[in-house]
């Protein structure tokens, strides 16, 4: 996301240090956790795939908590 100051037209990039996303379908669910690297390091991205079985969905609840948030 880039914001512009109307008076000076200076661009500023907004960076979120941590974010997560879910992609849920009938057969599985994918969870992605992204943590920005320190300084100029690349972000660390972890993607996990979970089946749609009840025990896997229940295990998915604790997945973001187990990550290095």
PDB file of N, CA and C in Angstrom:
ATOM      1  N   UNK A   1       0.844  -1.167   0.000  1.00  0.00           N
ATOM      2  CA  UNK A   1       0.000   0.000   0.000  1.00  0.00           C
ATOM      3  C   UNK A   1       0.894   1.235   0.000  1.00  0.00           C
ATOM      4  N   UNK A   2       0.644   2.147  -0.881  1.00  0.00           N
ATOM      5  CA  UNK A   2       1.435   3.371  -0.959  1.00  0.00           C
ATOM      6  C   UNK A   2       0.512   4.556  -0.710  1.00  0.00           C
ATOM      7  N   UNK A   3       0.902   5.418   0.201  1.00  0.00           N
ATOM      8  CA  UNK A   3       0.117   6.609   0.528  1.00  0.00           C
ATOM      9  C   UNK A   3       0.804   7.837  -0.041  1.00  0.00           C
ATOM     10  N   UNK A   4       0.014   8.795  -0.504  1.00  0.00           N
ATOM     11  CA  UNK A   4       0.563  10.022  -1.062  1.00  0.00           C
ATOM     12  C   UNK A   4       0.072  11.222  -0.262  1.00  0.00           C
ATOM     13  N   UNK A   5       0.974  12.107   0.063  1.00  0.00           N
ATOM     14  CA  UNK A   5       0.634  13.352   0.721  1.00  0.00           C
ATOM     15  C   UNK A   5       0.226  14.323  -0.385  1.00  0.00           C
ATOM     16  N   UNK A   6      -1.001  14.818  -0.359  1.00  0.00           N
ATOM     17  CA  UNK A   6      -1.519  15.657  -1.438  1.00  0.00           C
ATOM     18  C   UNK A   6      -0.716  16.952  -1.617  1.00  0.00           C
ATOM     19  N   UNK A   7      -0.198  17.513  -0.534  1.00  0.00           N
ATOM     20  CA  UNK A   7       0.527  18.775  -0.631  1.00  0.00           C
ATOM     21  C   UNK A   7       1.910  18.601  -1.247  1.00  0.00           C
ATOM     22  N   UNK A   8       2.663  17.605  -0.820  1.00  0.00           N
ATOM     23  CA  UNK A   8       4.039  17.442  -1.265  1.00  0.00           C
ATOM     24  C   UNK A   8       4.218  16.286  -2.240  1.00  0.00           C
ATOM     25  N   UNK A   9       3.201  15.449  -2.410  1.00  0.00           N
ATOM     26  CA  UNK A   9       3.254  14.258  -3.260  1.00  0.00           C
ATOM     27  C   UNK A   9       4.446  13.371  -2.916  1.00  0.00           C
ATOM     28  N   UNK A  10       4.616  13.091  -1.635  1.00  0.00           N
ATOM     29  CA  UNK A  10       5.671  12.207  -1.158  1.00  0.00           C
ATOM     30  C   UNK A  10       5.049  10.830  -0.926  1.00  0.00           C
ATOM     31  N   UNK A  11       5.691   9.802  -1.452  1.00  0.00           N
ATOM     32  CA  UNK A  11       5.176   8.436  -1.286  1.00  0.00           C
ATOM     33  C   UNK A  11       5.730   7.823  -0.012  1.00  0.00           C
ATOM     34  N   UNK A  12       4.882   7.054   0.683  1.00  0.00           N
ATOM     35  CA  UNK A  12       5.302   6.358   1.886  1.00  0.00           C
ATOM     36  C   UNK A  12       4.735   4.948   1.816  1.00  0.00           C
ATOM     37  N   UNK A  13       5.588   3.951   1.985  1.00  0.00           N
ATOM     38  CA  UNK A  13       5.149   2.564   1.931  1.00  0.00           C
ATOM     39  C   UNK A  13       4.819   2.084   3.336  1.00  0.00           C
ATOM     40  N   UNK A  14       3.658   1.456   3.506  1.00  0.00           N
ATOM     41  CA  UNK A  14       3.241   0.908   4.789  1.00  0.00           C
ATOM     42  C   UNK A  14       3.612  -0.569   4.800  1.00  0.00           C
ATOM     43  N   UNK A  15       4.374  -0.997   5.802  1.00  0.00           N
ATOM     44  CA  UNK A  15       4.822  -2.379   5.885  1.00  0.00           C
ATOM     45  C   UNK A  15       4.282  -2.993   7.170  1.00  0.00           C
ATOM     46  N   UNK A  16       3.684  -4.145   7.049  1.00  0.00           N
ATOM     47  CA  UNK A  16       3.186  -4.872   8.210  1.00  0.00           C
ATOM     48  C   UNK A  16       4.222  -5.925   8.577  1.00  0.00           C
ATOM     49  N   UNK A  17       4.664  -5.935   9.813  1.00  0.00           N
ATOM     50  CA  UNK A  17       5.727  -6.828  10.244  1.00  0.00           C
ATOM     51  C   UNK A  17       5.269  -8.281  10.249  1.00  0.00           C
ATOM     52  N   UNK A  18       4.027  -8.517  10.633  1.00  0.00           N
ATOM     53  CA  UNK A  18       3.493  -9.886  10.684  1.00  0.00           C
ATOM     54  C   UNK A  18       2.122  -9.926  10.041  1.00  0.00           C
ATOM     55  N   UNK A  19       1.877 -10.998   9.274  1.00  0.00           N
ATOM     56  CA  UNK A  19       0.541 -11.186   8.712  1.00  0.00           C
ATOM     57  C   UNK A  19       0.288 -12.668   8.499  1.00  0.00           C
ATOM     58  N   UNK A  20      -0.978 -13.019   8.353  1.00  0.00           N
ATOM     59  CA  UNK A  20      -1.364 -14.411   8.136  1.00  0.00           C
ATOM     60  C   UNK A  20      -2.577 -14.445   7.224  1.00  0.00           C
ATOM     61  N   UNK A  21      -2.743 -15.572   6.544  1.00  0.00           N
ATOM     62  CA  UNK A  21      -3.889 -15.731   5.661  1.00  0.00           C
ATOM     63  C   UNK A  21      -4.332 -17.169   5.621  1.00  0.00           C
ATOM     64  N   UNK A  22      -5.601 -17.376   5.292  1.00  0.00           N
ATOM     65  CA  UNK A  22      -6.174 -18.714   5.164  1.00  0.00           C
ATOM     66  C   UNK A  22      -6.823 -18.868   3.802  1.00  0.00           C
ATOM     67  N   UNK A  23      -6.674 -20.046   3.213  1.00  0.00           N
ATOM     68  CA  UNK A  23      -7.372 -20.407   1.982  1.00  0.00           C
ATOM     69  C   UNK A  23      -8.083 -21.720   2.277  1.00  0.00           C
ATOM     70  N   UNK A  24      -9.403 -21.662   2.342  1.00  0.00           N
ATOM     71  CA  UNK A  24     -10.188 -22.826   2.747  1.00  0.00           C
ATOM     72  C   UNK A  24     -11.019 -23.314   1.570  1.00  0.00           C
ATOM     73  N   UNK A  25     -10.911 -24.616   1.287  1.00  0.00           N
ATOM     74  CA  UNK A  25     -11.727 -25.238   0.247  1.00  0.00           C
ATOM     75  C   UNK A  25     -12.413 -26.469   0.835  1.00  0.00           C
ATOM     76  N   UNK A  26     -13.169 -27.196   0.015  1.00  0.00           N
ATOM     77  CA  UNK A  26     -13.868 -28.376   0.522  1.00  0.00           C
ATOM     78  C   UNK A  26     -12.917 -29.500   0.902  1.00  0.00           C
ATOM     79  N   UNK A  27     -11.767 -29.619   0.216  1.00  0.00           N
ATOM     80  CA  UNK A  27     -10.877 -30.740   0.500  1.00  0.00           C
ATOM     81  C   UNK A  27      -9.725 -30.421   1.450  1.00  0.00           C
ATOM     82  N   UNK A  28      -9.328 -29.142   1.545  1.00  0.00           N
ATOM     83  CA  UNK A  28      -8.233 -28.809   2.444  1.00  0.00           C
ATOM     84  C   UNK A  28      -8.248 -27.328   2.825  1.00  0.00           C
ATOM     85  N   UNK A  29      -7.337 -26.976   3.719  1.00  0.00           N
ATOM     86  CA  UNK A  29      -7.154 -25.582   4.132  1.00  0.00           C
ATOM     87  C   UNK A  29      -5.661 -25.296   4.134  1.00  0.00           C
ATOM     88  N   UNK A  30      -5.283 -24.139   3.662  1.00  0.00           N
ATOM     89  CA  UNK A  30      -3.889 -23.727   3.660  1.00  0.00           C
ATOM     90  C   UNK A  30      -3.754 -22.499   4.544  1.00  0.00           C
ATOM     91  N   UNK A  31      -2.730 -22.501   5.381  1.00  0.00           N
ATOM     92  CA  UNK A  31      -2.456 -21.363   6.266  1.00  0.00           C
ATOM     93  C   UNK A  31      -1.072 -20.824   5.926  1.00  0.00           C
ATOM     94  N   UNK A  32      -0.977 -19.508   5.774  1.00  0.00           N
ATOM     95  CA  UNK A  32       0.288 -18.863   5.469  1.00  0.00           C
ATOM     96  C   UNK A  32       0.590 -17.834   6.556  1.00  0.00           C
ATOM     97  N   UNK A  33       1.803 -17.894   7.096  1.00  0.00           N
ATOM     98  CA  UNK A  33       2.257 -16.921   8.084  1.00  0.00           C
ATOM     99  C   UNK A  33       3.510 -16.270   7.520  1.00  0.00           C
ATOM    100  N   UNK A  34       3.534 -14.957   7.477  1.00  0.00           N
ATOM    101  CA  UNK A  34       4.690 -14.221   6.947  1.00  0.00           C
ATOM    102  C   UNK A  34       5.172 -13.240   8.001  1.00  0.00           C
ATOM    103  N   UNK A  35       6.486 -13.304   8.296  1.00  0.00           N
ATOM    104  CA  UNK A  35       7.113 -12.423   9.270  1.00  0.00           C
ATOM    105  C   UNK A  35       8.248 -11.696   8.561  1.00  0.00           C
ATOM    106  N   UNK A  36       8.250 -10.365   8.626  1.00  0.00           N
ATOM    107  CA  UNK A  36       9.284  -9.566   7.971  1.00  0.00           C
ATOM    108  C   UNK A  36      10.636  -9.848   8.586  1.00  0.00           C
ATOM    109  N   UNK A  37      11.654  -9.897   7.735  1.00  0.00           N
ATOM    110  CA  UNK A  37      13.014 -10.106   8.204  1.00  0.00           C
ATOM    111  C   UNK A  37      13.570  -8.825   8.808  1.00  0.00           C
ATOM    112  N   UNK A  38      14.583  -8.973   9.632  1.00  0.00           N
ATOM    113  CA  UNK A  38      15.226  -7.812  10.250  1.00  0.00           C
ATOM    114  C   UNK A  38      16.093  -7.095   9.223  1.00  0.00           C
ATOM    115  N   UNK A  39      16.016  -5.796   9.210  1.00  0.00           N
ATOM    116  CA  UNK A  39      16.820  -5.010   8.280  1.00  0.00           C
ATOM    117  C   UNK A  39      16.458  -5.299   6.836  1.00  0.00           C
ATOM    118  N   UNK A  40      17.450  -5.707   6.052  1.00  0.00           N
ATOM    119  CA  UNK A  40      17.214  -5.990   4.631  1.00  0.00           C
ATOM    120  C   UNK A  40      16.970  -7.466   4.345  1.00  0.00           C
ATOM    121  N   UNK A  41      16.841  -8.264   5.370  1.00  0.00           N
ATOM    122  CA  UNK A  41      16.583  -9.692   5.165  1.00  0.00           C
ATOM    123  C   UNK A  41      15.206  -9.900   4.569  1.00  0.00           C
ATOM    124  N   UNK A  42      15.079 -10.979   3.813  1.00  0.00           N
ATOM    125  CA  UNK A  42      13.796 -11.322   3.202  1.00  0.00           C
ATOM    126  C   UNK A  42      12.826 -11.805   4.275  1.00  0.00           C
ATOM    127  N   UNK A  43      11.524 -11.657   4.025  1.00  0.00           N
ATOM    128  CA  UNK A  43      10.545 -12.144   4.997  1.00  0.00           C
ATOM    129  C   UNK A  43      10.566 -13.674   5.072  1.00  0.00           C
ATOM    130  N   UNK A  44      10.228 -14.201   6.228  1.00  0.00           N
ATOM    131  CA  UNK A  44      10.111 -15.641   6.426  1.00  0.00           C
ATOM    132  C   UNK A  44       8.654 -16.002   6.194  1.00  0.00           C
ATOM    133  N   UNK A  45       8.410 -16.931   5.279  1.00  0.00           N
ATOM    134  CA  UNK A  45       7.046 -17.324   4.935  1.00  0.00           C
ATOM    135  C   UNK A  45       6.880 -18.817   5.170  1.00  0.00           C
ATOM    136  N   UNK A  46       5.840 -19.177   5.908  1.00  0.00           N
ATOM    137  CA  UNK A  46       5.544 -20.575   6.190  1.00  0.00           C
ATOM    138  C   UNK A  46       4.132 -20.877   5.700  1.00  0.00           C
ATOM    139  N   UNK A  47       4.012 -21.875   4.821  1.00  0.00           N
ATOM    140  CA  UNK A  47       2.710 -22.294   4.320  1.00  0.00           C
ATOM    141  C   UNK A  47       2.488 -23.743   4.735  1.00  0.00           C
ATOM    142  N   UNK A  48       1.357 -24.007   5.384  1.00  0.00           N
ATOM    143  CA  UNK A  48       1.020 -25.374   5.782  1.00  0.00           C
ATOM    144  C   UNK A  48      -0.321 -25.747   5.161  1.00  0.00           C
ATOM    145  N   UNK A  49      -0.468 -27.029   4.834  1.00  0.00           N
ATOM    146  CA  UNK A  49      -1.708 -27.538   4.251  1.00  0.00           C
ATOM    147  C   UNK A  49      -2.329 -28.533   5.219  1.00  0.00           C
ATOM    148  N   UNK A  50      -3.613 -28.383   5.429  1.00  0.00           N
ATOM    149  CA  UNK A  50      -4.359 -29.205   6.377  1.00  0.00           C
ATOM    150  C   UNK A  50      -5.545 -29.834   5.648  1.00  0.00           C
ATOM    151  N   UNK A  51      -5.838 -31.094   5.937  1.00  0.00           N
ATOM    152  CA  UNK A  51      -6.999 -31.732   5.307  1.00  0.00           C
ATOM    153  C   UNK A  51      -8.280 -31.173   5.931  1.00  0.00           C
ATOM    154  N   UNK A  52      -9.405 -31.508   5.337  1.00  0.00           N
ATOM    155  CA  UNK A  52     -10.682 -30.985   5.839  1.00  0.00           C
ATOM    156  C   UNK A  52     -11.292 -31.883   6.916  1.00  0.00           C
ATOM    157  N   UNK A  53     -10.558 -32.870   7.379  1.00  0.00           N
ATOM    158  CA  UNK A  53     -11.053 -33.741   8.441  1.00  0.00           C
ATOM    159  C   UNK A  53     -11.098 -32.950   9.751  1.00  0.00           C
ATOM    160  N   UNK A  54     -12.049 -33.275  10.607  1.00  0.00           N
ATOM    161  CA  UNK A  54     -12.284 -32.521  11.839  1.00  0.00           C
ATOM    162  C   UNK A  54     -11.032 -32.400  12.693  1.00  0.00           C
ATOM    163  N   UNK A  55     -10.285 -33.490  12.870  1.00  0.00           N
ATOM    164  CA  UNK A  55      -9.106 -33.424  13.735  1.00  0.00           C
ATOM    165  C   UNK A  55      -8.038 -32.484  13.159  1.00  0.00           C
ATOM    166  N   UNK A  56      -7.932 -32.383  11.836  1.00  0.00           N
ATOM    167  CA  UNK A  56      -6.967 -31.475  11.223  1.00  0.00           C
ATOM    168  C   UNK A  56      -7.405 -30.018  11.373  1.00  0.00           C
ATOM    169  N   UNK A  57      -8.698 -29.759  11.235  1.00  0.00           N
ATOM    170  CA  UNK A  57      -9.205 -28.390  11.401  1.00  0.00           C
ATOM    171  C   UNK A  57      -9.001 -27.933  12.854  1.00  0.00           C
ATOM    172  N   UNK A  58      -9.211 -28.831  13.802  1.00  0.00           N
ATOM    173  CA  UNK A  58      -8.982 -28.489  15.204  1.00  0.00           C
ATOM    174  C   UNK A  58      -7.498 -28.223  15.461  1.00  0.00           C
ATOM    175  N   UNK A  59      -6.617 -28.978  14.814  1.00  0.00           N
ATOM    176  CA  UNK A  59      -5.179 -28.751  14.959  1.00  0.00           C
ATOM    177  C   UNK A  59      -4.774 -27.420  14.333  1.00  0.00           C
ATOM    178  N   UNK A  60      -5.468 -27.006  13.290  1.00  0.00           N
ATOM    179  CA  UNK A  60      -5.175 -25.739  12.615  1.00  0.00           C
ATOM    180  C   UNK A  60      -5.377 -24.543  13.549  1.00  0.00           C
ATOM    181  N   UNK A  61      -6.276 -24.684  14.518  1.00  0.00           N
ATOM    182  CA  UNK A  61      -6.531 -23.588  15.462  1.00  0.00           C
ATOM    183  C   UNK A  61      -5.275 -23.150  16.193  1.00  0.00           C
ATOM    184  N   UNK A  62      -4.398 -24.086  16.493  1.00  0.00           N
ATOM    185  CA  UNK A  62      -3.200 -23.760  17.266  1.00  0.00           C
ATOM    186  C   UNK A  62      -1.999 -23.437  16.380  1.00  0.00           C
ATOM    187  N   UNK A  63      -2.104 -23.600  15.089  1.00  0.00           N
ATOM    188  CA  UNK A  63      -0.973 -23.392  14.189  1.00  0.00           C
ATOM    189  C   UNK A  63      -0.386 -21.983  14.248  1.00  0.00           C
ATOM    190  N   UNK A  64      -1.176 -20.901  14.116  1.00  0.00           N
ATOM    191  CA  UNK A  64      -0.571 -19.560  14.197  1.00  0.00           C
ATOM    192  C   UNK A  64       0.050 -19.285  15.552  1.00  0.00           C
ATOM    193  N   UNK A  65      -0.511 -19.841  16.602  1.00  0.00           N
ATOM    194  CA  UNK A  65       0.041 -19.636  17.941  1.00  0.00           C
ATOM    195  C   UNK A  65       1.404 -20.311  18.089  1.00  0.00           C
ATOM    196  N   UNK A  66       1.585 -21.415  17.363  1.00  0.00           N
ATOM    197  CA  UNK A  66       2.855 -22.152  17.447  1.00  0.00           C
ATOM    198  C   UNK A  66       3.946 -21.457  16.635  1.00  0.00           C
ATOM    199  N   UNK A  67       3.567 -20.602  15.698  1.00  0.00           N
ATOM    200  CA  UNK A  67       4.562 -19.889  14.898  1.00  0.00           C
ATOM    201  C   UNK A  67       5.253 -18.835  15.747  1.00  0.00           C
ATOM    202  N   UNK A  68       6.351 -18.314  15.239  1.00  0.00           N
ATOM    203  CA  UNK A  68       7.090 -17.277  15.976  1.00  0.00           C
ATOM    204  C   UNK A  68       6.439 -15.921  15.758  1.00  0.00           C
ATOM    205  N   UNK A  69       5.342 -15.672  16.437  1.00  0.00           N
ATOM    206  CA  UNK A  69       4.616 -14.391  16.352  1.00  0.00           C
ATOM    207  C   UNK A  69       5.170 -13.533  17.417  1.00  0.00           C
TER     208      UNK A  69
END
